[in-house]
């Protein structure tokens, strides 16, 4: 798929702009135009970016932006791996919902996710 199509899809799916995050969200490093493999993680660390490049990823998506880390941004650019920051609240709400649903199924509990916007 096209890199920009992926970035638009994530923006729409996650609605990250709904919550003012502490760092910018969206496409941070352009990288390759075509994306066939993507890596996701929870941090914009150098280790994740290097692992994404070593795994042959064309793009990576995390909850946070590499913008605060010059070395992360440079390594992402040099490797040609596109970088999409999808927002803390936007990405993390899926994980806690899935955990709550899993616990409900496993233990016969009632589960309700309460979406309270948080910028961190």
PDB file of N, CA and C in Angstrom:
ATOM      1  N   UNK A   1       0.837  -1.178   0.000  1.00  0.00           N
ATOM      2  CA  UNK A   1       0.000   0.000   0.000  1.00  0.00           C
ATOM      3  C   UNK A   1       0.883   1.243   0.000  1.00  0.00           C
ATOM      4  N   UNK A   2       0.305   2.348  -0.355  1.00  0.00           N
ATOM      5  CA  UNK A   2       1.042   3.616  -0.340  1.00  0.00           C
ATOM      6  C   UNK A   2       1.215   4.089   1.101  1.00  0.00           C
ATOM      7  N   UNK A   3       2.398   4.613   1.377  1.00  0.00           N
ATOM      8  CA  UNK A   3       2.729   5.121   2.708  1.00  0.00           C
ATOM      9  C   UNK A   3       1.719   6.171   3.168  1.00  0.00           C
ATOM     10  N   UNK A   4       1.374   7.112   2.286  1.00  0.00           N
ATOM     11  CA  UNK A   4       0.452   8.175   2.675  1.00  0.00           C
ATOM     12  C   UNK A   4      -0.953   7.640   2.943  1.00  0.00           C
ATOM     13  N   UNK A   5      -1.335   6.564   2.236  1.00  0.00           N
ATOM     14  CA  UNK A   5      -2.629   5.928   2.470  1.00  0.00           C
ATOM     15  C   UNK A   5      -2.643   5.297   3.874  1.00  0.00           C
ATOM     16  N   UNK A   6      -1.538   4.663   4.250  1.00  0.00           N
ATOM     17  CA  UNK A   6      -1.416   4.092   5.591  1.00  0.00           C
ATOM     18  C   UNK A   6      -1.528   5.175   6.658  1.00  0.00           C
ATOM     19  N   UNK A   7      -0.815   6.274   6.471  1.00  0.00           N
ATOM     20  CA  UNK A   7      -0.854   7.368   7.444  1.00  0.00           C
ATOM     21  C   UNK A   7      -2.268   7.940   7.566  1.00  0.00           C
ATOM     22  N   UNK A   8      -2.952   8.122   6.444  1.00  0.00           N
ATOM     23  CA  UNK A   8      -4.331   8.637   6.485  1.00  0.00           C
ATOM     24  C   UNK A   8      -5.261   7.655   7.191  1.00  0.00           C
ATOM     25  N   UNK A   9      -5.086   6.365   6.898  1.00  0.00           N
ATOM     26  CA  UNK A   9      -5.929   5.348   7.526  1.00  0.00           C
ATOM     27  C   UNK A   9      -5.749   5.361   9.047  1.00  0.00           C
ATOM     28  N   UNK A  10      -4.490   5.401   9.511  1.00  0.00           N
ATOM     29  CA  UNK A  10      -4.243   5.439  10.947  1.00  0.00           C
ATOM     30  C   UNK A  10      -4.817   6.700  11.577  1.00  0.00           C
ATOM     31  N   UNK A  11      -4.669   7.826  10.901  1.00  0.00           N
ATOM     32  CA  UNK A  11      -5.239   9.077  11.423  1.00  0.00           C
ATOM     33  C   UNK A  11      -6.750   8.947  11.601  1.00  0.00           C
ATOM     34  N   UNK A  12      -7.412   8.341  10.611  1.00  0.00           N
ATOM     35  CA  UNK A  12      -8.872   8.204  10.660  1.00  0.00           C
ATOM     36  C   UNK A  12      -9.291   7.151  11.689  1.00  0.00           C
ATOM     37  N   UNK A  13      -8.661   5.989  11.657  1.00  0.00           N
ATOM     38  CA  UNK A  13      -9.015   4.899  12.568  1.00  0.00           C
ATOM     39  C   UNK A  13      -8.826   5.298  14.024  1.00  0.00           C
ATOM     40  N   UNK A  14      -7.673   5.877  14.322  1.00  0.00           N
ATOM     41  CA  UNK A  14      -7.316   6.173  15.705  1.00  0.00           C
ATOM     42  C   UNK A  14      -7.830   7.519  16.193  1.00  0.00           C
ATOM     43  N   UNK A  15      -8.139   8.420  15.265  1.00  0.00           N
ATOM     44  CA  UNK A  15      -8.654   9.749  15.616  1.00  0.00           C
ATOM     45  C   UNK A  15      -7.755  10.421  16.652  1.00  0.00           C
ATOM     46  N   UNK A  16      -6.442  10.324  16.414  1.00  0.00           N
ATOM     47  CA  UNK A  16      -5.467  10.843  17.377  1.00  0.00           C
ATOM     48  C   UNK A  16      -5.599  12.347  17.599  1.00  0.00           C
ATOM     49  N   UNK A  17      -6.097  13.078  16.618  1.00  0.00           N
ATOM     50  CA  UNK A  17      -6.219  14.526  16.767  1.00  0.00           C
ATOM     51  C   UNK A  17      -7.300  14.913  17.781  1.00  0.00           C
ATOM     52  N   UNK A  18      -8.130  13.958  18.173  1.00  0.00           N
ATOM     53  CA  UNK A  18      -9.195  14.220  19.158  1.00  0.00           C
ATOM     54  C   UNK A  18      -8.618  14.593  20.515  1.00  0.00           C
ATOM     55  N   UNK A  19      -7.444  14.058  20.824  1.00  0.00           N
ATOM     56  CA  UNK A  19      -6.798  14.309  22.114  1.00  0.00           C
ATOM     57  C   UNK A  19      -5.488  15.038  21.861  1.00  0.00           C
ATOM     58  N   UNK A  20      -5.318  16.180  22.468  1.00  0.00           N
ATOM     59  CA  UNK A  20      -4.074  16.928  22.312  1.00  0.00           C
ATOM     60  C   UNK A  20      -2.965  16.178  23.042  1.00  0.00           C
ATOM     61  N   UNK A  21      -2.051  15.608  22.269  1.00  0.00           N
ATOM     62  CA  UNK A  21      -0.972  14.803  22.817  1.00  0.00           C
ATOM     63  C   UNK A  21       0.211  15.704  23.141  1.00  0.00           C
ATOM     64  N   UNK A  22       1.167  15.191  23.904  1.00  0.00           N
ATOM     65  CA  UNK A  22       2.325  16.002  24.272  1.00  0.00           C
ATOM     66  C   UNK A  22       3.339  16.104  23.137  1.00  0.00           C
ATOM     67  N   UNK A  23       3.171  15.283  22.094  1.00  0.00           N
ATOM     68  CA  UNK A  23       4.084  15.360  20.955  1.00  0.00           C
ATOM     69  C   UNK A  23       3.266  15.294  19.669  1.00  0.00           C
ATOM     70  N   UNK A  24       3.846  15.680  18.553  1.00  0.00           N
ATOM     71  CA  UNK A  24       3.081  15.655  17.300  1.00  0.00           C
ATOM     72  C   UNK A  24       2.777  14.224  16.866  1.00  0.00           C
ATOM     73  N   UNK A  25       1.620  14.035  16.249  1.00  0.00           N
ATOM     74  CA  UNK A  25       1.214  12.736  15.736  1.00  0.00           C
ATOM     75  C   UNK A  25       1.125  12.795  14.223  1.00  0.00           C
ATOM     76  N   UNK A  26       1.058  11.627  13.602  1.00  0.00           N
ATOM     77  CA  UNK A  26       0.977  11.520  12.156  1.00  0.00           C
ATOM     78  C   UNK A  26       2.314  11.093  11.573  1.00  0.00           C
ATOM     79  N   UNK A  27       2.458  11.232  10.267  1.00  0.00           N
ATOM     80  CA  UNK A  27       3.681  10.832   9.588  1.00  0.00           C
ATOM     81  C   UNK A  27       4.822  11.745  10.006  1.00  0.00           C
ATOM     82  N   UNK A  28       5.871  11.163  10.567  1.00  0.00           N
ATOM     83  CA  UNK A  28       7.001  11.930  11.083  1.00  0.00           C
ATOM     84  C   UNK A  28       8.198  11.886  10.137  1.00  0.00           C
ATOM     85  N   UNK A  29       8.476  10.701   9.596  1.00  0.00           N
ATOM     86  CA  UNK A  29       9.582  10.515   8.669  1.00  0.00           C
ATOM     87  C   UNK A  29       9.008   9.810   7.451  1.00  0.00           C
ATOM     88  N   UNK A  30       9.186  10.403   6.269  1.00  0.00           N
ATOM     89  CA  UNK A  30       8.524   9.875   5.077  1.00  0.00           C
ATOM     90  C   UNK A  30       8.967   8.468   4.704  1.00  0.00           C
ATOM     91  N   UNK A  31      10.244   8.201   4.666  1.00  0.00           N
ATOM     92  CA  UNK A  31      10.701   6.860   4.314  1.00  0.00           C
ATOM     93  C   UNK A  31      10.245   6.429   2.934  1.00  0.00           C
ATOM     94  N   UNK A  32      10.054   5.125   2.768  1.00  0.00           N
ATOM     95  CA  UNK A  32       9.654   4.563   1.475  1.00  0.00           C
ATOM     96  C   UNK A  32       8.208   4.921   1.142  1.00  0.00           C
ATOM     97  N   UNK A  33       7.942   5.060  -0.152  1.00  0.00           N
ATOM     98  CA  UNK A  33       6.586   5.397  -0.589  1.00  0.00           C
ATOM     99  C   UNK A  33       5.654   4.185  -0.531  1.00  0.00           C
ATOM    100  N   UNK A  34       6.187   2.993  -0.798  1.00  0.00           N
ATOM    101  CA  UNK A  34       5.395   1.764  -0.767  1.00  0.00           C
ATOM    102  C   UNK A  34       5.655   1.019   0.542  1.00  0.00           C
ATOM    103  N   UNK A  35       4.594   0.523   1.158  1.00  0.00           N
ATOM    104  CA  UNK A  35       4.698  -0.197   2.419  1.00  0.00           C
ATOM    105  C   UNK A  35       4.111  -1.597   2.244  1.00  0.00           C
ATOM    106  N   UNK A  36       4.955  -2.602   2.474  1.00  0.00           N
ATOM    107  CA  UNK A  36       4.506  -3.988   2.439  1.00  0.00           C
ATOM    108  C   UNK A  36       4.632  -4.643   3.814  1.00  0.00           C
ATOM    109  N   UNK A  37       5.510  -4.097   4.659  1.00  0.00           N
ATOM    110  CA  UNK A  37       5.727  -4.651   5.998  1.00  0.00           C
ATOM    111  C   UNK A  37       5.829  -3.512   6.998  1.00  0.00           C
ATOM    112  N   UNK A  38       5.151  -3.688   8.133  1.00  0.00           N
ATOM    113  CA  UNK A  38       5.137  -2.650   9.163  1.00  0.00           C
ATOM    114  C   UNK A  38       5.480  -3.264  10.518  1.00  0.00           C
ATOM    115  N   UNK A  39       6.197  -2.500  11.330  1.00  0.00           N
ATOM    116  CA  UNK A  39       6.524  -2.887  12.699  1.00  0.00           C
ATOM    117  C   UNK A  39       5.808  -1.908  13.619  1.00  0.00           C
ATOM    118  N   UNK A  40       5.255  -2.403  14.711  1.00  0.00           N
ATOM    119  CA  UNK A  40       4.643  -1.511  15.693  1.00  0.00           C
ATOM    120  C   UNK A  40       5.334  -1.707  17.036  1.00  0.00           C
ATOM    121  N   UNK A  41       5.315  -0.673  17.835  1.00  0.00           N
ATOM    122  CA  UNK A  41       5.936  -0.712  19.147  1.00  0.00           C
ATOM    123  C   UNK A  41       5.392   0.407  20.001  1.00  0.00           C
ATOM    124  N   UNK A  42       5.891   0.519  21.211  1.00  0.00           N
ATOM    125  CA  UNK A  42       5.371   1.524  22.129  1.00  0.00           C
ATOM    126  C   UNK A  42       6.297   2.710  22.329  1.00  0.00           C
ATOM    127  N   UNK A  43       7.446   2.699  21.679  1.00  0.00           N
ATOM    128  CA  UNK A  43       8.395   3.780  21.879  1.00  0.00           C
ATOM    129  C   UNK A  43       9.116   4.101  20.583  1.00  0.00           C
ATOM    130  N   UNK A  44       9.597   5.295  20.477  1.00  0.00           N
ATOM    131  CA  UNK A  44      10.366   5.702  19.297  1.00  0.00           C
ATOM    132  C   UNK A  44      11.858   5.545  19.567  1.00  0.00           C
ATOM    133  N   UNK A  45      12.222   4.499  20.273  1.00  0.00           N
ATOM    134  CA  UNK A  45      13.618   4.314  20.655  1.00  0.00           C
ATOM    135  C   UNK A  45      14.477   3.920  19.460  1.00  0.00           C
ATOM    136  N   UNK A  46      15.754   4.196  19.581  1.00  0.00           N
ATOM    137  CA  UNK A  46      16.717   3.792  18.558  1.00  0.00           C
ATOM    138  C   UNK A  46      16.648   2.277  18.372  1.00  0.00           C
ATOM    139  N   UNK A  47      16.516   1.530  19.462  1.00  0.00           N
ATOM    140  CA  UNK A  47      16.471   0.068  19.384  1.00  0.00           C
ATOM    141  C   UNK A  47      15.310  -0.411  18.517  1.00  0.00           C
ATOM    142  N   UNK A  48      14.134   0.195  18.671  1.00  0.00           N
ATOM    143  CA  UNK A  48      12.982  -0.207  17.861  1.00  0.00           C
ATOM    144  C   UNK A  48      13.212   0.131  16.391  1.00  0.00           C
ATOM    145  N   UNK A  49      13.727   1.311  16.123  1.00  0.00           N
ATOM    146  CA  UNK A  49      13.944   1.725  14.740  1.00  0.00           C
ATOM    147  C   UNK A  49      14.979   0.820  14.072  1.00  0.00           C
ATOM    148  N   UNK A  50      16.038   0.496  14.784  1.00  0.00           N
ATOM    149  CA  UNK A  50      17.041  -0.417  14.234  1.00  0.00           C
ATOM    150  C   UNK A  50      16.455  -1.813  14.023  1.00  0.00           C
ATOM    151  N   UNK A  51      15.632  -2.273  14.943  1.00  0.00           N
ATOM    152  CA  UNK A  51      14.995  -3.585  14.807  1.00  0.00           C
ATOM    153  C   UNK A  51      14.030  -3.599  13.622  1.00  0.00           C
ATOM    154  N   UNK A  52      13.300  -2.506  13.430  1.00  0.00           N
ATOM    155  CA  UNK A  52      12.383  -2.413  12.291  1.00  0.00           C
ATOM    156  C   UNK A  52      13.148  -2.503  10.976  1.00  0.00           C
ATOM    157  N   UNK A  53      14.248  -1.784  10.886  1.00  0.00           N
ATOM    158  CA  UNK A  53      15.071  -1.815   9.668  1.00  0.00           C
ATOM    159  C   UNK A  53      15.650  -3.211   9.461  1.00  0.00           C
ATOM    160  N   UNK A  54      16.139  -3.840  10.532  1.00  0.00           N
ATOM    161  CA  UNK A  54      16.728  -5.185  10.429  1.00  0.00           C
ATOM    162  C   UNK A  54      15.680  -6.220  10.029  1.00  0.00           C
ATOM    163  N   UNK A  55      14.425  -5.997  10.431  1.00  0.00           N
ATOM    164  CA  UNK A  55      13.338  -6.923  10.097  1.00  0.00           C
ATOM    165  C   UNK A  55      12.814  -6.709   8.677  1.00  0.00           C
ATOM    166  N   UNK A  56      13.336  -5.695   7.993  1.00  0.00           N
ATOM    167  CA  UNK A  56      12.898  -5.423   6.629  1.00  0.00           C
ATOM    168  C   UNK A  56      11.605  -4.638   6.540  1.00  0.00           C
ATOM    169  N   UNK A  57      11.259  -3.935   7.609  1.00  0.00           N
ATOM    170  CA  UNK A  57      10.028  -3.145   7.604  1.00  0.00           C
ATOM    171  C   UNK A  57      10.171  -1.931   6.688  1.00  0.00           C
ATOM    172  N   UNK A  58       9.071  -1.563   6.081  1.00  0.00           N
ATOM    173  CA  UNK A  58       9.016  -0.348   5.268  1.00  0.00           C
ATOM    174  C   UNK A  58       8.497   0.822   6.081  1.00  0.00           C
ATOM    175  N   UNK A  59       7.807   0.502   7.183  1.00  0.00           N
ATOM    176  CA  UNK A  59       7.216   1.542   8.028  1.00  0.00           C
ATOM    177  C   UNK A  59       7.138   1.028   9.456  1.00  0.00           C
ATOM    178  N   UNK A  60       7.034   1.975  10.363  1.00  0.00           N
ATOM    179  CA  UNK A  60       6.825   1.640  11.764  1.00  0.00           C
ATOM    180  C   UNK A  60       5.814   2.600  12.356  1.00  0.00           C
ATOM    181  N   UNK A  61       5.070   2.103  13.310  1.00  0.00           N
ATOM    182  CA  UNK A  61       4.086   2.927  13.988  1.00  0.00           C
ATOM    183  C   UNK A  61       4.228   2.718  15.480  1.00  0.00           C
ATOM    184  N   UNK A  62       4.281   3.811  16.206  1.00  0.00           N
ATOM    185  CA  UNK A  62       4.342   3.756  17.660  1.00  0.00           C
ATOM    186  C   UNK A  62       3.374   4.773  18.231  1.00  0.00           C
ATOM    187  N   UNK A  63       3.265   4.764  19.540  1.00  0.00           N
ATOM    188  CA  UNK A  63       2.388   5.736  20.185  1.00  0.00           C
ATOM    189  C   UNK A  63       3.045   7.098  20.298  1.00  0.00           C
ATOM    190  N   UNK A  64       4.349   7.156  20.173  1.00  0.00           N
ATOM    191  CA  UNK A  64       5.069   8.402  20.402  1.00  0.00           C
ATOM    192  C   UNK A  64       5.895   8.807  19.194  1.00  0.00           C
ATOM    193  N   UNK A  65       6.277  10.032  19.156  1.00  0.00           N
ATOM    194  CA  UNK A  65       7.016  10.611  18.039  1.00  0.00           C
ATOM    195  C   UNK A  65       8.518  10.518  18.262  1.00  0.00           C
ATOM    196  N   UNK A  66       9.300  10.297  17.191  1.00  0.00           N
ATOM    197  CA  UNK A  66      10.752  10.345  17.347  1.00  0.00           C
ATOM    198  C   UNK A  66      11.268  11.775  17.415  1.00  0.00           C
ATOM    199  N   UNK A  67      10.376  12.744  17.249  1.00  0.00           N
ATOM    200  CA  UNK A  67      10.764  14.144  17.171  1.00  0.00           C
ATOM    201  C   UNK A  67      11.577  14.648  18.343  1.00  0.00           C
ATOM    202  N   UNK A  68      11.399  14.037  19.504  1.00  0.00           N
ATOM    203  CA  UNK A  68      12.164  14.460  20.687  1.00  0.00           C
ATOM    204  C   UNK A  68      13.543  13.828  20.728  1.00  0.00           C
ATOM    205  N   UNK A  69      13.768  12.872  19.833  1.00  0.00           N
ATOM    206  CA  UNK A  69      15.057  12.191  19.803  1.00  0.00           C
ATOM    207  C   UNK A  69      15.700  12.380  18.436  1.00  0.00           C
ATOM    208  N   UNK A  70      16.689  13.193  18.386  1.00  0.00           N
ATOM    209  CA  UNK A  70      17.370  13.450  17.112  1.00  0.00           C
ATOM    210  C   UNK A  70      17.949  12.165  16.529  1.00  0.00           C
ATOM    211  N   UNK A  71      18.540  11.317  17.375  1.00  0.00           N
ATOM    212  CA  UNK A  71      19.144  10.088  16.860  1.00  0.00           C
ATOM    213  C   UNK A  71      18.080   9.151  16.284  1.00  0.00           C
ATOM    214  N   UNK A  72      16.903   9.044  16.918  1.00  0.00           N
ATOM    215  CA  UNK A  72      15.828   8.201  16.388  1.00  0.00           C
ATOM    216  C   UNK A  72      15.362   8.705  15.031  1.00  0.00           C
ATOM    217  N   UNK A  73      15.192  10.000  14.910  1.00  0.00           N
ATOM    218  CA  UNK A  73      14.751  10.577  13.643  1.00  0.00           C
ATOM    219  C   UNK A  73      15.789  10.338  12.558  1.00  0.00           C
ATOM    220  N   UNK A  74      17.053  10.560  12.872  1.00  0.00           N
ATOM    221  CA  UNK A  74      18.123  10.373  11.881  1.00  0.00           C
ATOM    222  C   UNK A  74      18.224   8.920  11.440  1.00  0.00           C
ATOM    223  N   UNK A  75      18.164   7.986  12.376  1.00  0.00           N
ATOM    224  CA  UNK A  75      18.268   6.565  12.030  1.00  0.00           C
ATOM    225  C   UNK A  75      17.080   6.144  11.180  1.00  0.00           C
ATOM    226  N   UNK A  76      15.899   6.634  11.500  1.00  0.00           N
ATOM    227  CA  UNK A  76      14.718   6.315  10.706  1.00  0.00           C
ATOM    228  C   UNK A  76      14.880   6.841   9.279  1.00  0.00           C
ATOM    229  N   UNK A  77      15.349   8.054   9.141  1.00  0.00           N
ATOM    230  CA  UNK A  77      15.570   8.633   7.801  1.00  0.00           C
ATOM    231  C   UNK A  77      16.633   7.857   7.030  1.00  0.00           C
ATOM    232  N   UNK A  78      17.742   7.562   7.691  1.00  0.00           N
ATOM    233  CA  UNK A  78      18.839   6.862   7.028  1.00  0.00           C
ATOM    234  C   UNK A  78      18.442   5.455   6.589  1.00  0.00           C
ATOM    235  N   UNK A  79      17.593   4.798   7.348  1.00  0.00           N
ATOM    236  CA  UNK A  79      17.186   3.433   7.025  1.00  0.00           C
ATOM    237  C   UNK A  79      16.097   3.393   5.961  1.00  0.00           C
ATOM    238  N   UNK A  80      15.444   4.534   5.729  1.00  0.00           N
ATOM    239  CA  UNK A  80      14.354   4.578   4.745  1.00  0.00           C
ATOM    240  C   UNK A  80      13.041   4.029   5.265  1.00  0.00           C
ATOM    241  N   UNK A  81      12.960   3.809   6.575  1.00  0.00           N
ATOM    242  CA  UNK A  81      11.744   3.275   7.175  1.00  0.00           C
ATOM    243  C   UNK A  81      10.833   4.447   7.559  1.00  0.00           C
ATOM    244  N   UNK A  82       9.642   4.485   6.979  1.00  0.00           N
ATOM    245  CA  UNK A  82       8.682   5.540   7.315  1.00  0.00           C
ATOM    246  C   UNK A  82       8.299   5.415   8.787  1.00  0.00           C
ATOM    247  N   UNK A  83       8.004   6.546   9.421  1.00  0.00           N
ATOM    248  CA  UNK A  83       7.675   6.546  10.845  1.00  0.00           C
ATOM    249  C   UNK A  83       6.368   7.297  11.064  1.00  0.00           C
ATOM    250  N   UNK A  84       5.387   6.590  11.637  1.00  0.00           N
ATOM    251  CA  UNK A  84       4.095   7.193  11.946  1.00  0.00           C
ATOM    252  C   UNK A  84       3.901   7.178  13.453  1.00  0.00           C
ATOM    253  N   UNK A  85       3.743   8.352  14.037  1.00  0.00           N
ATOM    254  CA  UNK A  85       3.402   8.465  15.460  1.00  0.00           C
ATOM    255  C   UNK A  85       1.883   8.518  15.540  1.00  0.00           C
ATOM    256  N   UNK A  86       1.290   7.547  16.209  1.00  0.00           N
ATOM    257  CA  UNK A  86      -0.163   7.419  16.194  1.00  0.00           C
ATOM    258  C   UNK A  86      -0.839   7.950  17.450  1.00  0.00           C
ATOM    259  N   UNK A  87      -0.083   8.408  18.432  1.00  0.00           N
ATOM    260  CA  UNK A  87      -0.671   9.015  19.622  1.00  0.00           C
ATOM    261  C   UNK A  87      -0.822   8.045  20.773  1.00  0.00           C
ATOM    262  N   UNK A  88      -0.449   8.499  21.963  1.00  0.00           N
ATOM    263  CA  UNK A  88      -0.533   7.645  23.148  1.00  0.00           C
ATOM    264  C   UNK A  88      -1.959   7.182  23.412  1.00  0.00           C
ATOM    265  N   UNK A  89      -2.846   8.107  23.625  1.00  0.00           N
ATOM    266  CA  UNK A  89      -4.230   7.747  23.951  1.00  0.00           C
ATOM    267  C   UNK A  89      -4.854   6.938  22.830  1.00  0.00           C
ATOM    268  N   UNK A  90      -4.607   7.361  21.603  1.00  0.00           N
ATOM    269  CA  UNK A  90      -5.229   6.712  20.446  1.00  0.00           C
ATOM    270  C   UNK A  90      -4.848   5.242  20.331  1.00  0.00           C
ATOM    271  N   UNK A  91      -3.581   4.917  20.549  1.00  0.00           N
ATOM    272  CA  UNK A  91      -3.144   3.526  20.404  1.00  0.00           C
ATOM    273  C   UNK A  91      -3.367   2.710  21.664  1.00  0.00           C
ATOM    274  N   UNK A  92      -3.179   3.305  22.801  1.00  0.00           N
ATOM    275  CA  UNK A  92      -3.231   2.543  24.041  1.00  0.00           C
ATOM    276  C   UNK A  92      -4.655   2.146  24.432  1.00  0.00           C
ATOM    277  N   UNK A  93      -5.650   2.872  23.963  1.00  0.00           N
ATOM    278  CA  UNK A  93      -7.013   2.495  24.342  1.00  0.00           C
ATOM    279  C   UNK A  93      -7.393   1.141  23.751  1.00  0.00           C
ATOM    280  N   UNK A  94      -6.830   0.770  22.596  1.00  0.00           N
ATOM    281  CA  UNK A  94      -7.123  -0.543  22.023  1.00  0.00           C
ATOM    282  C   UNK A  94      -6.576  -1.665  22.895  1.00  0.00           C
ATOM    283  N   UNK A  95      -5.386  -1.469  23.436  1.00  0.00           N
ATOM    284  CA  UNK A  95      -4.781  -2.501  24.279  1.00  0.00           C
ATOM    285  C   UNK A  95      -5.547  -2.743  25.555  1.00  0.00           C
ATOM    286  N   UNK A  96      -5.946  -1.683  26.238  1.00  0.00           N
ATOM    287  CA  UNK A  96      -6.669  -1.886  27.498  1.00  0.00           C
ATOM    288  C   UNK A  96      -8.066  -2.438  27.248  1.00  0.00           C
ATOM    289  N   UNK A  97      -8.680  -2.078  26.101  1.00  0.00           N
ATOM    290  CA  UNK A  97      -9.974  -2.670  25.764  1.00  0.00           C
ATOM    291  C   UNK A  97      -9.839  -4.173  25.521  1.00  0.00           C
ATOM    292  N   UNK A  98      -8.809  -4.556  24.772  1.00  0.00           N
ATOM    293  CA  UNK A  98      -8.583  -5.972  24.489  1.00  0.00           C
ATOM    294  C   UNK A  98      -8.301  -6.744  25.776  1.00  0.00           C
ATOM    295  N   UNK A  99      -7.525  -6.158  26.682  1.00  0.00           N
ATOM    296  CA  UNK A  99      -7.239  -6.810  27.958  1.00  0.00           C
ATOM    297  C   UNK A  99      -8.523  -6.995  28.760  1.00  0.00           C
ATOM    298  N   UNK A 100      -9.345  -5.944  28.848  1.00  0.00           N
ATOM    299  CA  UNK A 100     -10.604  -6.044  29.582  1.00  0.00           C
ATOM    300  C   UNK A 100     -11.525  -7.103  29.003  1.00  0.00           C
ATOM    301  N   UNK A 101     -11.611  -7.173  27.664  1.00  0.00           N
ATOM    302  CA  UNK A 101     -12.444  -8.179  27.011  1.00  0.00           C
ATOM    303  C   UNK A 101     -11.909  -9.588  27.270  1.00  0.00           C
ATOM    304  N   UNK A 102     -10.592  -9.728  27.255  1.00  0.00           N
ATOM    305  CA  UNK A 102      -9.978 -11.026  27.541  1.00  0.00           C
ATOM    306  C   UNK A 102     -10.297 -11.473  28.976  1.00  0.00           C
ATOM    307  N   UNK A 103     -10.135 -10.571  29.928  1.00  0.00           N
ATOM    308  CA  UNK A 103     -10.437 -10.908  31.317  1.00  0.00           C
ATOM    309  C   UNK A 103     -11.909 -11.253  31.496  1.00  0.00           C
ATOM    310  N   UNK A 104     -12.775 -10.535  30.803  1.00  0.00           N
ATOM    311  CA  UNK A 104     -14.211 -10.810  30.895  1.00  0.00           C
ATOM    312  C   UNK A 104     -14.527 -12.210  30.365  1.00  0.00           C
ATOM    313  N   UNK A 105     -13.946 -12.558  29.206  1.00  0.00           N
ATOM    314  CA  UNK A 105     -14.168 -13.895  28.637  1.00  0.00           C
ATOM    315  C   UNK A 105     -13.578 -14.989  29.523  1.00  0.00           C
ATOM    316  N   UNK A 106     -12.384 -14.776  29.997  1.00  0.00           N
ATOM    317  CA  UNK A 106     -11.666 -15.797  30.753  1.00  0.00           C
ATOM    318  C   UNK A 106     -12.299 -16.064  32.112  1.00  0.00           C
ATOM    319  N   UNK A 107     -12.746 -15.011  32.778  1.00  0.00           N
ATOM    320  CA  UNK A 107     -13.227 -15.156  34.152  1.00  0.00           C
ATOM    321  C   UNK A 107     -14.721 -14.881  34.315  1.00  0.00           C
ATOM    322  N   UNK A 108     -15.435 -14.690  33.218  1.00  0.00           N
ATOM    323  CA  UNK A 108     -16.873 -14.450  33.301  1.00  0.00           C
ATOM    324  C   UNK A 108     -17.236 -13.132  33.957  1.00  0.00           C
ATOM    325  N   UNK A 109     -16.394 -12.133  33.770  1.00  0.00           N
ATOM    326  CA  UNK A 109     -16.628 -10.813  34.360  1.00  0.00           C
ATOM    327  C   UNK A 109     -17.396  -9.921  33.390  1.00  0.00           C
ATOM    328  N   UNK A 110     -18.003  -8.885  33.914  1.00  0.00           N
ATOM    329  CA  UNK A 110     -18.547  -7.826  33.065  1.00  0.00           C
ATOM    330  C   UNK A 110     -17.416  -6.843  32.810  1.00  0.00           C
ATOM    331  N   UNK A 111     -17.368  -6.317  31.614  1.00  0.00           N
ATOM    332  CA  UNK A 111     -16.316  -5.360  31.278  1.00  0.00           C
ATOM    333  C   UNK A 111     -16.935  -4.159  30.584  1.00  0.00           C
ATOM    334  N   UNK A 112     -16.460  -3.002  30.959  1.00  0.00           N
ATOM    335  CA  UNK A 112     -16.879  -1.763  30.304  1.00  0.00           C
ATOM    336  C   UNK A 112     -15.660  -0.866  30.184  1.00  0.00           C
ATOM    337  N   UNK A 113     -15.369  -0.428  28.966  1.00  0.00           N
ATOM    338  CA  UNK A 113     -14.261   0.483  28.737  1.00  0.00           C
ATOM    339  C   UNK A 113     -14.790   1.910  28.837  1.00  0.00           C
ATOM    340  N   UNK A 114     -14.125   2.735  29.616  1.00  0.00           N
ATOM    341  CA  UNK A 114     -14.504   4.141  29.771  1.00  0.00           C
ATOM    342  C   UNK A 114     -13.384   4.974  29.137  1.00  0.00           C
ATOM    343  N   UNK A 115     -13.713   5.660  28.074  1.00  0.00           N
ATOM    344  CA  UNK A 115     -12.733   6.412  27.276  1.00  0.00           C
ATOM    345  C   UNK A 115     -12.617   7.839  27.801  1.00  0.00           C
ATOM    346  N   UNK A 116     -11.607   8.079  28.614  1.00  0.00           N
ATOM    347  CA  UNK A 116     -11.334   9.421  29.134  1.00  0.00           C
ATOM    348  C   UNK A 116     -10.035   9.904  28.490  1.00  0.00           C
ATOM    349  N   UNK A 117     -10.129  10.986  27.760  1.00  0.00           N
ATOM    350  CA  UNK A 117      -8.988  11.495  27.012  1.00  0.00           C
ATOM    351  C   UNK A 117      -7.815  11.829  27.929  1.00  0.00           C
ATOM    352  N   UNK A 118      -6.628  11.407  27.502  1.00  0.00           N
ATOM    353  CA  UNK A 118      -5.416  11.684  28.260  1.00  0.00           C
ATOM    354  C   UNK A 118      -4.281  11.991  27.291  1.00  0.00           C
ATOM    355  N   UNK A 119      -3.555  13.083  27.482  1.00  0.00           N
ATOM    356  CA  UNK A 119      -2.491  13.452  26.554  1.00  0.00           C
ATOM    357  C   UNK A 119      -1.174  12.716  26.793  1.00  0.00           C
ATOM    358  N   UNK A 120      -1.097  11.866  27.799  1.00  0.00           N
ATOM    359  CA  UNK A 120       0.155  11.130  28.076  1.00  0.00           C
ATOM    360  C   UNK A 120      -0.101   9.642  28.200  1.00  0.00           C
TER     361      UNK A 120
END
